[in-house]
Amino acid sequence: QDNGTWTLIDGGEGMNNFSYTRSGDGAFTEFDDNNDYMIESYV
């Protein structure tokens, strides 16, 4: 909500650093099954 889309690639256990990949209100997200792409959304 109003803090964008956050993405973690190859993360491990515990706390991880996420990348801020889209600004504004973040919404629906999805990875494809081959890890070739992800879908990120705005309002």
PDB file of all heavy atoms in Angstrom:
ATOM      1  N   GLN A   1       0.830  -1.195   0.000  1.00  0.00           N
ATOM      2  CA  GLN A   1       0.000   0.000   0.000  1.00  0.00           C
ATOM      3  C   GLN A   1       0.867   1.248   0.000  1.00  0.00           C
ATOM      4  O   GLN A   1       1.555   1.556   0.970  1.00  0.00           O
ATOM      5  CB  GLN A   1      -0.930  -0.012   1.222  1.00  0.00           C
ATOM      6  CG  GLN A   1      -1.986   1.074   1.240  1.00  0.00           C
ATOM      7  CD  GLN A   1      -1.485   2.364   1.858  1.00  0.00           C
ATOM      8  OE1 GLN A   1      -0.630   2.372   2.740  1.00  0.00           O
ATOM      9  NE2 GLN A   1      -2.007   3.471   1.386  1.00  0.00           N
ATOM     10  N   ASP A   2       0.871   1.955  -1.131  1.00  0.00           N
ATOM     11  CA  ASP A   2       1.570   3.243  -1.302  1.00  0.00           C
ATOM     12  C   ASP A   2       3.070   3.177  -1.019  1.00  0.00           C
ATOM     13  O   ASP A   2       3.704   4.212  -0.799  1.00  0.00           O
ATOM     14  CB  ASP A   2       0.923   4.325  -0.432  1.00  0.00           C
ATOM     15  CG  ASP A   2       1.120   5.707  -1.030  1.00  0.00           C
ATOM     16  OD1 ASP A   2       1.387   5.804  -2.237  1.00  0.00           O
ATOM     17  OD2 ASP A   2       1.012   6.708  -0.290  1.00  0.00           O
ATOM     18  N   ASN A   3       3.623   1.966  -1.004  1.00  0.00           N
ATOM     19  CA  ASN A   3       5.067   1.833  -0.800  1.00  0.00           C
ATOM     20  C   ASN A   3       5.706   0.927  -1.841  1.00  0.00           C
ATOM     21  O   ASN A   3       6.772   0.365  -1.613  1.00  0.00           O
ATOM     22  CB  ASN A   3       5.352   1.318   0.616  1.00  0.00           C
ATOM     23  CG  ASN A   3       5.250   2.421   1.662  1.00  0.00           C
ATOM     24  OD1 ASN A   3       6.167   3.194   1.884  1.00  0.00           O
ATOM     25  ND2 ASN A   3       4.087   2.506   2.292  1.00  0.00           N
ATOM     26  N   GLY A   4       5.038   0.777  -2.984  1.00  0.00           N
ATOM     27  CA  GLY A   4       5.652   0.142  -4.136  1.00  0.00           C
ATOM     28  C   GLY A   4       5.680  -1.376  -4.107  1.00  0.00           C
ATOM     29  O   GLY A   4       5.102  -2.041  -3.242  1.00  0.00           O
ATOM     30  N   THR A   5       6.388  -1.928  -5.088  1.00  0.00           N
ATOM     31  CA  THR A   5       6.611  -3.366  -5.206  1.00  0.00           C
ATOM     32  C   THR A   5       8.039  -3.675  -4.800  1.00  0.00           C
ATOM     33  O   THR A   5       8.980  -3.002  -5.224  1.00  0.00           O
ATOM     34  CB  THR A   5       6.375  -3.835  -6.657  1.00  0.00           C
ATOM     35  OG1 THR A   5       5.002  -3.594  -7.001  1.00  0.00           O
ATOM     36  CG2 THR A   5       6.682  -5.317  -6.813  1.00  0.00           C
ATOM     37  N   TRP A   6       8.185  -4.708  -3.969  1.00  0.00           N
ATOM     38  CA  TRP A   6       9.495  -5.104  -3.452  1.00  0.00           C
ATOM     39  C   TRP A   6       9.802  -6.535  -3.883  1.00  0.00           C
ATOM     40  O   TRP A   6       8.941  -7.407  -3.832  1.00  0.00           O
ATOM     41  CB  TRP A   6       9.516  -4.992  -1.929  1.00  0.00           C
ATOM     42  CG  TRP A   6       9.399  -3.564  -1.479  1.00  0.00           C
ATOM     43  CD1 TRP A   6       8.251  -2.839  -1.322  1.00  0.00           C
ATOM     44  CD2 TRP A   6      10.479  -2.675  -1.170  1.00  0.00           C
ATOM     45  NE1 TRP A   6       8.544  -1.553  -0.923  1.00  0.00           N
ATOM     46  CE2 TRP A   6       9.906  -1.431  -0.825  1.00  0.00           C
ATOM     47  CE3 TRP A   6      11.864  -2.816  -1.152  1.00  0.00           C
ATOM     48  CZ2 TRP A   6      10.678  -0.331  -0.465  1.00  0.00           C
ATOM     49  CZ3 TRP A   6      12.625  -1.720  -0.782  1.00  0.00           C
ATOM     50  CH2 TRP A   6      12.038  -0.497  -0.448  1.00  0.00           C
ATOM     51  N   THR A   7      11.033  -6.755  -4.322  1.00  0.00           N
ATOM     52  CA  THR A   7      11.408  -8.043  -4.906  1.00  0.00           C
ATOM     53  C   THR A   7      12.715  -8.551  -4.313  1.00  0.00           C
ATOM     54  O   THR A   7      13.682  -7.787  -4.180  1.00  0.00           O
ATOM     55  CB  THR A   7      11.559  -7.916  -6.438  1.00  0.00           C
ATOM     56  OG1 THR A   7      10.347  -7.381  -6.981  1.00  0.00           O
ATOM     57  CG2 THR A   7      11.849  -9.262  -7.071  1.00  0.00           C
ATOM     58  N   LEU A   8      12.715  -9.823  -3.974  1.00  0.00           N
ATOM     59  CA  LEU A   8      13.909 -10.502  -3.464  1.00  0.00           C
ATOM     60  C   LEU A   8      14.271 -11.625  -4.420  1.00  0.00           C
ATOM     61  O   LEU A   8      13.435 -12.468  -4.733  1.00  0.00           O
ATOM     62  CB  LEU A   8      13.640 -11.068  -2.070  1.00  0.00           C
ATOM     63  CG  LEU A   8      14.727 -11.980  -1.483  1.00  0.00           C
ATOM     64  CD1 LEU A   8      16.002 -11.194  -1.201  1.00  0.00           C
ATOM     65  CD2 LEU A   8      14.221 -12.653  -0.211  1.00  0.00           C
ATOM     66  N   ILE A   9      15.492 -11.614  -4.892  1.00  0.00           N
ATOM     67  CA  ILE A   9      15.993 -12.677  -5.764  1.00  0.00           C
ATOM     68  C   ILE A   9      17.108 -13.416  -5.047  1.00  0.00           C
ATOM     69  O   ILE A   9      18.057 -12.809  -4.549  1.00  0.00           O
ATOM     70  CB  ILE A   9      16.498 -12.117  -7.105  1.00  0.00           C
ATOM     71  CG1 ILE A   9      15.379 -11.371  -7.844  1.00  0.00           C
ATOM     72  CG2 ILE A   9      17.065 -13.229  -7.984  1.00  0.00           C
ATOM     73  CD1 ILE A   9      14.201 -12.234  -8.228  1.00  0.00           C
ATOM     74  N   ASP A  10      16.959 -14.741  -4.979  1.00  0.00           N
ATOM     75  CA  ASP A  10      17.979 -15.605  -4.385  1.00  0.00           C
ATOM     76  C   ASP A  10      18.214 -15.266  -2.916  1.00  0.00           C
ATOM     77  O   ASP A  10      19.343 -15.144  -2.454  1.00  0.00           O
ATOM     78  CB  ASP A  10      19.296 -15.503  -5.176  1.00  0.00           C
ATOM     79  CG  ASP A  10      20.180 -16.727  -4.966  1.00  0.00           C
ATOM     80  OD1 ASP A  10      19.631 -17.818  -4.734  1.00  0.00           O
ATOM     81  OD2 ASP A  10      21.413 -16.578  -5.024  1.00  0.00           O
ATOM     82  N   GLY A  11      17.120 -15.119  -2.172  1.00  0.00           N
ATOM     83  CA  GLY A  11      17.237 -14.783  -0.761  1.00  0.00           C
ATOM     84  C   GLY A  11      17.425 -16.007   0.110  1.00  0.00           C
ATOM     85  O   GLY A  11      17.021 -17.121  -0.246  1.00  0.00           O
ATOM     86  N   GLY A  12      18.022 -15.815   1.260  1.00  0.00           N
ATOM     87  CA  GLY A  12      18.260 -16.893   2.211  1.00  0.00           C
ATOM     88  C   GLY A  12      17.412 -16.735   3.453  1.00  0.00           C
ATOM     89  O   GLY A  12      16.543 -15.869   3.532  1.00  0.00           O
ATOM     90  N   GLU A  13      17.656 -17.572   4.440  1.00  0.00           N
ATOM     91  CA  GLU A  13      16.908 -17.504   5.688  1.00  0.00           C
ATOM     92  C   GLU A  13      17.221 -16.213   6.432  1.00  0.00           C
ATOM     93  O   GLU A  13      18.287 -15.619   6.274  1.00  0.00           O
ATOM     94  CB  GLU A  13      17.246 -18.700   6.574  1.00  0.00           C
ATOM     95  CG  GLU A  13      16.752 -20.039   6.026  1.00  0.00           C
ATOM     96  CD  GLU A  13      16.993 -21.172   6.991  1.00  0.00           C
ATOM     97  OE1 GLU A  13      17.500 -20.901   8.100  1.00  0.00           O
ATOM     98  OE2 GLU A  13      16.669 -22.324   6.654  1.00  0.00           O
ATOM     99  N   GLY A  14      16.277 -15.785   7.256  1.00  0.00           N
ATOM    100  CA  GLY A  14      16.491 -14.573   8.047  1.00  0.00           C
ATOM    101  C   GLY A  14      16.174 -13.317   7.262  1.00  0.00           C
ATOM    102  O   GLY A  14      15.499 -13.346   6.236  1.00  0.00           O
ATOM    103  N   MET A  15      16.680 -12.181   7.731  1.00  0.00           N
ATOM    104  CA  MET A  15      16.433 -10.891   7.100  1.00  0.00           C
ATOM    105  C   MET A  15      17.168 -10.806   5.762  1.00  0.00           C
ATOM    106  O   MET A  15      18.309 -11.259   5.632  1.00  0.00           O
ATOM    107  CB  MET A  15      16.884  -9.753   8.013  1.00  0.00           C
ATOM    108  CG  MET A  15      16.177  -9.734   9.362  1.00  0.00           C
ATOM    109  SD  MET A  15      14.428  -9.351   9.252  1.00  0.00           S
ATOM    110  CE  MET A  15      14.500  -7.613   8.854  1.00  0.00           C
ATOM    111  N   ASN A  16      16.510 -10.199   4.774  1.00  0.00           N
ATOM    112  CA  ASN A  16      17.107 -10.029   3.453  1.00  0.00           C
ATOM    113  C   ASN A  16      16.870  -8.617   2.944  1.00  0.00           C
ATOM    114  O   ASN A  16      15.902  -7.953   3.326  1.00  0.00           O
ATOM    115  CB  ASN A  16      16.480 -11.011   2.453  1.00  0.00           C
ATOM    116  CG  ASN A  16      16.955 -12.436   2.648  1.00  0.00           C
ATOM    117  OD1 ASN A  16      17.896 -12.883   2.015  1.00  0.00           O
ATOM    118  ND2 ASN A  16      16.281 -13.151   3.547  1.00  0.00           N
ATOM    119  N   ASN A  17      17.734  -8.169   2.057  1.00  0.00           N
ATOM    120  CA  ASN A  17      17.565  -6.877   1.411  1.00  0.00           C
ATOM    121  C   ASN A  17      16.742  -7.052   0.131  1.00  0.00           C
ATOM    122  O   ASN A  17      17.144  -7.777  -0.782  1.00  0.00           O
ATOM    123  CB  ASN A  17      18.917  -6.254   1.065  1.00  0.00           C
ATOM    124  CG  ASN A  17      19.662  -5.796   2.294  1.00  0.00           C
ATOM    125  OD1 ASN A  17      19.066  -5.279   3.235  1.00  0.00           O
ATOM    126  ND2 ASN A  17      20.972  -5.992   2.303  1.00  0.00           N
ATOM    127  N   PHE A  18      15.587  -6.396   0.071  1.00  0.00           N
ATOM    128  CA  PHE A  18      14.725  -6.435  -1.103  1.00  0.00           C
ATOM    129  C   PHE A  18      15.037  -5.265  -2.031  1.00  0.00           C
ATOM    130  O   PHE A  18      15.506  -4.221  -1.590  1.00  0.00           O
ATOM    131  CB  PHE A  18      13.257  -6.364  -0.686  1.00  0.00           C
ATOM    132  CG  PHE A  18      12.679  -7.669  -0.193  1.00  0.00           C
ATOM    133  CD1 PHE A  18      13.164  -8.262   0.960  1.00  0.00           C
ATOM    134  CD2 PHE A  18      11.652  -8.284  -0.882  1.00  0.00           C
ATOM    135  CE1 PHE A  18      12.625  -9.457   1.425  1.00  0.00           C
ATOM    136  CE2 PHE A  18      11.109  -9.483  -0.432  1.00  0.00           C
ATOM    137  CZ  PHE A  18      11.594 -10.072   0.719  1.00  0.00           C
ATOM    138  N   SER A  19      14.748  -5.429  -3.313  1.00  0.00           N
ATOM    139  CA  SER A  19      14.895  -4.361  -4.297  1.00  0.00           C
ATOM    140  C   SER A  19      13.552  -3.680  -4.518  1.00  0.00           C
ATOM    141  O   SER A  19      12.510  -4.348  -4.613  1.00  0.00           O
ATOM    142  CB  SER A  19      15.407  -4.921  -5.628  1.00  0.00           C
ATOM    143  OG  SER A  19      16.676  -5.507  -5.481  1.00  0.00           O
ATOM    144  N   TYR A  20      13.576  -2.361  -4.620  1.00  0.00           N
ATOM    145  CA  TYR A  20      12.376  -1.563  -4.846  1.00  0.00           C
ATOM    146  C   TYR A  20      12.169  -1.482  -6.357  1.00  0.00           C
ATOM    147  O   TYR A  20      12.804  -0.682  -7.038  1.00  0.00           O
ATOM    148  CB  TYR A  20      12.598  -0.182  -4.238  1.00  0.00           C
ATOM    149  CG  TYR A  20      11.419   0.747  -4.230  1.00  0.00           C
ATOM    150  CD1 TYR A  20      10.204   0.373  -3.685  1.00  0.00           C
ATOM    151  CD2 TYR A  20      11.535   2.041  -4.734  1.00  0.00           C
ATOM    152  CE1 TYR A  20       9.132   1.241  -3.643  1.00  0.00           C
ATOM    153  CE2 TYR A  20      10.469   2.931  -4.695  1.00  0.00           C
ATOM    154  CZ  TYR A  20       9.272   2.520  -4.154  1.00  0.00           C
ATOM    155  OH  TYR A  20       8.208   3.395  -4.116  1.00  0.00           O
ATOM    156  N   THR A  21      11.289  -2.327  -6.898  1.00  0.00           N
ATOM    157  CA  THR A  21      11.221  -2.479  -8.355  1.00  0.00           C
ATOM    158  C   THR A  21      10.106  -1.686  -9.013  1.00  0.00           C
ATOM    159  O   THR A  21      10.094  -1.550 -10.240  1.00  0.00           O
ATOM    160  CB  THR A  21      11.063  -3.968  -8.733  1.00  0.00           C
ATOM    161  OG1 THR A  21       9.939  -4.528  -8.060  1.00  0.00           O
ATOM    162  CG2 THR A  21      12.320  -4.740  -8.341  1.00  0.00           C
ATOM    163  N   ARG A  22       9.131  -1.188  -8.230  1.00  0.00           N
ATOM    164  CA  ARG A  22       8.114  -0.310  -8.817  1.00  0.00           C
ATOM    165  C   ARG A  22       7.549   0.581  -7.729  1.00  0.00           C
ATOM    166  O   ARG A  22       7.296   0.138  -6.622  1.00  0.00           O
ATOM    167  CB  ARG A  22       6.981  -1.111  -9.472  1.00  0.00           C
ATOM    168  CG  ARG A  22       6.017  -0.226 -10.256  1.00  0.00           C
ATOM    169  CD  ARG A  22       5.110  -1.013 -11.183  1.00  0.00           C
ATOM    170  NE  ARG A  22       4.342  -0.093 -12.016  1.00  0.00           N
ATOM    171  CZ  ARG A  22       3.527  -0.464 -13.003  1.00  0.00           C
ATOM    172  NH1 ARG A  22       3.389  -1.749 -13.289  1.00  0.00           N
ATOM    173  NH2 ARG A  22       2.865   0.428 -13.715  1.00  0.00           N
ATOM    174  N   SER A  23       7.341   1.857  -8.060  1.00  0.00           N
ATOM    175  CA  SER A  23       6.918   2.831  -7.057  1.00  0.00           C
ATOM    176  C   SER A  23       5.402   2.944  -7.012  1.00  0.00           C
ATOM    177  O   SER A  23       4.677   2.289  -7.753  1.00  0.00           O
ATOM    178  CB  SER A  23       7.534   4.195  -7.371  1.00  0.00           C
ATOM    179  OG  SER A  23       7.106   4.644  -8.650  1.00  0.00           O
ATOM    180  N   GLY A  24       4.915   3.811  -6.121  1.00  0.00           N
ATOM    181  CA  GLY A  24       3.484   4.025  -5.967  1.00  0.00           C
ATOM    182  C   GLY A  24       2.834   2.905  -5.182  1.00  0.00           C
ATOM    183  O   GLY A  24       3.460   2.246  -4.353  1.00  0.00           O
ATOM    184  N   ASP A  25       1.555   2.680  -5.440  1.00  0.00           N
ATOM    185  CA  ASP A  25       0.855   1.570  -4.797  1.00  0.00           C
ATOM    186  C   ASP A  25       1.199   0.276  -5.519  1.00  0.00           C
ATOM    187  O   ASP A  25       0.962   0.133  -6.717  1.00  0.00           O
ATOM    188  CB  ASP A  25      -0.654   1.790  -4.848  1.00  0.00           C
ATOM    189  CG  ASP A  25      -1.118   2.789  -3.821  1.00  0.00           C
ATOM    190  OD1 ASP A  25      -1.305   2.395  -2.660  1.00  0.00           O
ATOM    191  OD2 ASP A  25      -1.292   3.962  -4.183  1.00  0.00           O
ATOM    192  N   GLY A  26       1.745  -0.686  -4.780  1.00  0.00           N
ATOM    193  CA  GLY A  26       1.994  -1.995  -5.358  1.00  0.00           C
ATOM    194  C   GLY A  26       0.753  -2.853  -5.239  1.00  0.00           C
ATOM    195  O   GLY A  26      -0.048  -2.687  -4.323  1.00  0.00           O
ATOM    196  N   ALA A  27       0.576  -3.792  -6.179  1.00  0.00           N
ATOM    197  CA  ALA A  27      -0.608  -4.640  -6.156  1.00  0.00           C
ATOM    198  C   ALA A  27      -0.222  -6.065  -6.536  1.00  0.00           C
ATOM    199  O   ALA A  27       0.729  -6.612  -5.989  1.00  0.00           O
ATOM    200  CB  ALA A  27      -1.678  -4.063  -7.091  1.00  0.00           C
ATOM    201  N   PHE A  28      -0.939  -6.661  -7.491  1.00  0.00           N
ATOM    202  CA  PHE A  28      -0.723  -8.054  -7.897  1.00  0.00           C
ATOM    203  C   PHE A  28       0.722  -8.295  -8.319  1.00  0.00           C
ATOM    204  O   PHE A  28       1.303  -7.507  -9.070  1.00  0.00           O
ATOM    205  CB  PHE A  28      -1.671  -8.386  -9.045  1.00  0.00           C
ATOM    206  CG  PHE A  28      -1.461  -9.742  -9.659  1.00  0.00           C
ATOM    207  CD1 PHE A  28      -1.964 -10.886  -9.058  1.00  0.00           C
ATOM    208  CD2 PHE A  28      -0.750  -9.867 -10.838  1.00  0.00           C
ATOM    209  CE1 PHE A  28      -1.772 -12.134  -9.628  1.00  0.00           C
ATOM    210  CE2 PHE A  28      -0.556 -11.117 -11.421  1.00  0.00           C
ATOM    211  CZ  PHE A  28      -1.061 -12.249 -10.813  1.00  0.00           C
ATOM    212  N   THR A  29       1.303  -9.395  -7.837  1.00  0.00           N
ATOM    213  CA  THR A  29       2.641  -9.825  -8.263  1.00  0.00           C
ATOM    214  C   THR A  29       2.611 -11.315  -8.565  1.00  0.00           C
ATOM    215  O   THR A  29       1.849 -12.069  -7.965  1.00  0.00           O
ATOM    216  CB  THR A  29       3.701  -9.560  -7.180  1.00  0.00           C
ATOM    217  OG1 THR A  29       3.275 -10.183  -5.954  1.00  0.00           O
ATOM    218  CG2 THR A  29       3.905  -8.076  -6.947  1.00  0.00           C
ATOM    219  N   GLU A  30       3.462 -11.734  -9.497  1.00  0.00           N
ATOM    220  CA  GLU A  30       3.517 -13.155  -9.868  1.00  0.00           C
ATOM    221  C   GLU A  30       4.808 -13.437 -10.615  1.00  0.00           C
ATOM    222  O   GLU A  30       5.239 -12.641 -11.456  1.00  0.00           O
ATOM    223  CB  GLU A  30       2.333 -13.510 -10.753  1.00  0.00           C
ATOM    224  CG  GLU A  30       2.146 -15.001 -10.982  1.00  0.00           C
ATOM    225  CD  GLU A  30       1.315 -15.665  -9.898  1.00  0.00           C
ATOM    226  OE1 GLU A  30       0.195 -15.209  -9.648  1.00  0.00           O
ATOM    227  OE2 GLU A  30       1.794 -16.662  -9.319  1.00  0.00           O
ATOM    228  N   PHE A  31       5.447 -14.572 -10.298  1.00  0.00           N
ATOM    229  CA  PHE A  31       6.578 -15.078 -11.075  1.00  0.00           C
ATOM    230  C   PHE A  31       6.068 -16.129 -12.060  1.00  0.00           C
ATOM    231  O   PHE A  31       5.153 -16.886 -11.742  1.00  0.00           O
ATOM    232  CB  PHE A  31       7.622 -15.736 -10.159  1.00  0.00           C
ATOM    233  CG  PHE A  31       8.395 -14.793  -9.300  1.00  0.00           C
ATOM    234  CD1 PHE A  31       8.025 -14.571  -7.986  1.00  0.00           C
ATOM    235  CD2 PHE A  31       9.500 -14.124  -9.794  1.00  0.00           C
ATOM    236  CE1 PHE A  31       8.737 -13.705  -7.179  1.00  0.00           C
ATOM    237  CE2 PHE A  31      10.229 -13.259  -8.988  1.00  0.00           C
ATOM    238  CZ  PHE A  31       9.849 -13.046  -7.681  1.00  0.00           C
ATOM    239  N   ASP A  32       6.669 -16.179 -13.253  1.00  0.00           N
ATOM    240  CA  ASP A  32       6.347 -17.289 -14.138  1.00  0.00           C
ATOM    241  C   ASP A  32       7.062 -18.540 -13.642  1.00  0.00           C
ATOM    242  O   ASP A  32       7.936 -18.477 -12.766  1.00  0.00           O
ATOM    243  CB  ASP A  32       6.739 -16.969 -15.583  1.00  0.00           C
ATOM    244  CG  ASP A  32       8.206 -17.211 -15.849  1.00  0.00           C
ATOM    245  OD1 ASP A  32       9.046 -16.662 -15.115  1.00  0.00           O
ATOM    246  OD2 ASP A  32       8.528 -17.971 -16.780  1.00  0.00           O
ATOM    247  N   ASP A  33       6.695 -19.704 -14.170  1.00  0.00           N
ATOM    248  CA  ASP A  33       7.220 -20.958 -13.622  1.00  0.00           C
ATOM    249  C   ASP A  33       8.657 -21.251 -14.022  1.00  0.00           C
ATOM    250  O   ASP A  33       9.284 -22.151 -13.458  1.00  0.00           O
ATOM    251  CB  ASP A  33       6.317 -22.133 -14.000  1.00  0.00           C
ATOM    252  CG  ASP A  33       6.064 -22.220 -15.492  1.00  0.00           C
ATOM    253  OD1 ASP A  33       6.554 -21.338 -16.233  1.00  0.00           O
ATOM    254  OD2 ASP A  33       5.365 -23.155 -15.922  1.00  0.00           O
ATOM    255  N   ASN A  34       9.207 -20.503 -14.976  1.00  0.00           N
ATOM    256  CA  ASN A  34      10.601 -20.709 -15.388  1.00  0.00           C
ATOM    257  C   ASN A  34      11.535 -19.638 -14.845  1.00  0.00           C
ATOM    258  O   ASN A  34      12.724 -19.639 -15.156  1.00  0.00           O
ATOM    259  CB  ASN A  34      10.706 -20.742 -16.914  1.00  0.00           C
ATOM    260  CG  ASN A  34      10.004 -21.939 -17.513  1.00  0.00           C
ATOM    261  OD1 ASN A  34      10.093 -23.048 -16.987  1.00  0.00           O
ATOM    262  ND2 ASN A  34       9.300 -21.723 -18.613  1.00  0.00           N
ATOM    263  N   ASN A  35      10.971 -18.696 -14.068  1.00  0.00           N
ATOM    264  CA  ASN A  35      11.766 -17.601 -13.509  1.00  0.00           C
ATOM    265  C   ASN A  35      12.382 -16.718 -14.588  1.00  0.00           C
ATOM    266  O   ASN A  35      13.441 -16.122 -14.398  1.00  0.00           O
ATOM    267  CB  ASN A  35      12.871 -18.139 -12.596  1.00  0.00           C
ATOM    268  CG  ASN A  35      12.723 -17.630 -11.180  1.00  0.00           C
ATOM    269  OD1 ASN A  35      11.624 -17.329 -10.729  1.00  0.00           O
ATOM    270  ND2 ASN A  35      13.819 -17.553 -10.465  1.00  0.00           N
ATOM    271  N   ASP A  36      11.708 -16.622 -15.743  1.00  0.00           N
ATOM    272  CA  ASP A  36      12.172 -15.734 -16.806  1.00  0.00           C
ATOM    273  C   ASP A  36      11.647 -14.322 -16.622  1.00  0.00           C
ATOM    274  O   ASP A  36      12.256 -13.368 -17.090  1.00  0.00           O
ATOM    275  CB  ASP A  36      11.723 -16.257 -18.178  1.00  0.00           C
ATOM    276  CG  ASP A  36      12.398 -17.565 -18.556  1.00  0.00           C
ATOM    277  OD1 ASP A  36      13.566 -17.744 -18.163  1.00  0.00           O
ATOM    278  OD2 ASP A  36      11.761 -18.383 -19.233  1.00  0.00           O
ATOM    279  N   TYR A  37      10.500 -14.209 -15.957  1.00  0.00           N
ATOM    280  CA  TYR A  37       9.917 -12.887 -15.771  1.00  0.00           C
ATOM    281  C   TYR A  37       9.022 -12.883 -14.535  1.00  0.00           C
ATOM    282  O   TYR A  37       8.658 -13.928 -13.997  1.00  0.00           O
ATOM    283  CB  TYR A  37       9.109 -12.446 -16.999  1.00  0.00           C
ATOM    284  CG  TYR A  37       7.869 -13.266 -17.282  1.00  0.00           C
ATOM    285  CD1 TYR A  37       6.640 -12.956 -16.688  1.00  0.00           C
ATOM    286  CD2 TYR A  37       7.897 -14.345 -18.171  1.00  0.00           C
ATOM    287  CE1 TYR A  37       5.500 -13.698 -16.943  1.00  0.00           C
ATOM    288  CE2 TYR A  37       6.757 -15.088 -18.437  1.00  0.00           C
ATOM    289  CZ  TYR A  37       5.561 -14.758 -17.826  1.00  0.00           C
ATOM    290  OH  TYR A  37       4.427 -15.492 -18.089  1.00  0.00           O
ATOM    291  N   MET A  38       8.684 -11.688 -14.102  1.00  0.00           N
ATOM    292  CA  MET A  38       7.697 -11.487 -13.053  1.00  0.00           C
ATOM    293  C   MET A  38       6.723 -10.430 -13.522  1.00  0.00           C
ATOM    294  O   MET A  38       7.014  -9.644 -14.445  1.00  0.00           O
ATOM    295  CB  MET A  38       8.356 -11.055 -11.740  1.00  0.00           C
ATOM    296  CG  MET A  38       9.106  -9.747 -11.820  1.00  0.00           C
ATOM    297  SD  MET A  38       9.739  -9.172 -10.220  1.00  0.00           S
ATOM    298  CE  MET A  38       8.230  -8.532  -9.479  1.00  0.00           C
ATOM    299  N   ILE A  39       5.548 -10.404 -12.920  1.00  0.00           N
ATOM    300  CA  ILE A  39       4.563  -9.369 -13.205  1.00  0.00           C
ATOM    301  C   ILE A  39       4.409  -8.515 -11.964  1.00  0.00           C
ATOM    302  O   ILE A  39       4.230  -9.023 -10.855  1.00  0.00           O
ATOM    303  CB  ILE A  39       3.216  -9.985 -13.610  1.00  0.00           C
ATOM    304  CG1 ILE A  39       3.368 -10.707 -14.953  1.00  0.00           C
ATOM    305  CG2 ILE A  39       2.131  -8.915 -13.707  1.00  0.00           C
ATOM    306  CD1 ILE A  39       2.169 -11.497 -15.369  1.00  0.00           C
ATOM    307  N   GLU A  40       4.518  -7.213 -12.141  1.00  0.00           N
ATOM    308  CA  GLU A  40       4.327  -6.268 -11.051  1.00  0.00           C
ATOM    309  C   GLU A  40       3.253  -5.272 -11.482  1.00  0.00           C
ATOM    310  O   GLU A  40       3.064  -5.033 -12.678  1.00  0.00           O
ATOM    311  CB  GLU A  40       5.640  -5.571 -10.690  1.00  0.00           C
ATOM    312  CG  GLU A  40       6.349  -4.938 -11.871  1.00  0.00           C
ATOM    313  CD  GLU A  40       7.751  -4.454 -11.538  1.00  0.00           C
ATOM    314  OE1 GLU A  40       8.267  -4.814 -10.470  1.00  0.00           O
ATOM    315  OE2 GLU A  40       8.315  -3.698 -12.343  1.00  0.00           O
ATOM    316  N   SER A  41       2.571  -4.688 -10.530  1.00  0.00           N
ATOM    317  CA  SER A  41       1.374  -3.918 -10.860  1.00  0.00           C
ATOM    318  C   SER A  41       1.328  -2.604 -10.107  1.00  0.00           C
ATOM    319  O   SER A  41       1.871  -2.461  -9.009  1.00  0.00           O
ATOM    320  CB  SER A  41       0.119  -4.734 -10.532  1.00  0.00           C
ATOM    321  OG  SER A  41       0.175  -6.010 -11.114  1.00  0.00           O
ATOM    322  N   TYR A  42       0.643  -1.667 -10.746  1.00  0.00           N
ATOM    323  CA  TYR A  42       0.274  -0.399 -10.125  1.00  0.00           C
ATOM    324  C   TYR A  42      -1.245  -0.441  -9.946  1.00  0.00           C
ATOM    325  O   TYR A  42      -1.857  -1.503 -10.049  1.00  0.00           O
ATOM    326  CB  TYR A  42       0.735   0.759 -11.012  1.00  0.00           C
ATOM    327  CG  TYR A  42       0.495   2.139 -10.461  1.00  0.00           C
ATOM    328  CD1 TYR A  42       0.919   2.485  -9.177  1.00  0.00           C
ATOM    329  CD2 TYR A  42      -0.158   3.099 -11.224  1.00  0.00           C
ATOM    330  CE1 TYR A  42       0.696   3.749  -8.670  1.00  0.00           C
ATOM    331  CE2 TYR A  42      -0.379   4.375 -10.725  1.00  0.00           C
ATOM    332  CZ  TYR A  42       0.044   4.692  -9.449  1.00  0.00           C
ATOM    333  OH  TYR A  42      -0.187   5.950  -8.948  1.00  0.00           O
ATOM    334  N   VAL A  43      -1.891   0.654  -9.664  1.00  0.00           N
ATOM    335  CA  VAL A  43      -3.327   0.656  -9.406  1.00  0.00           C
ATOM    336  C   VAL A  43      -4.127   0.499 -10.691  1.00  0.00           C
ATOM    337  O   VAL A  43      -3.658   0.789 -11.785  1.00  0.00           O
ATOM    338  CB  VAL A  43      -3.747   1.942  -8.678  1.00  0.00           C
ATOM    339  CG1 VAL A  43      -3.068   2.027  -7.324  1.00  0.00           C
ATOM    340  CG2 VAL A  43      -3.403   3.177  -9.518  1.00  0.00           C
TER     341      VAL A  43
END
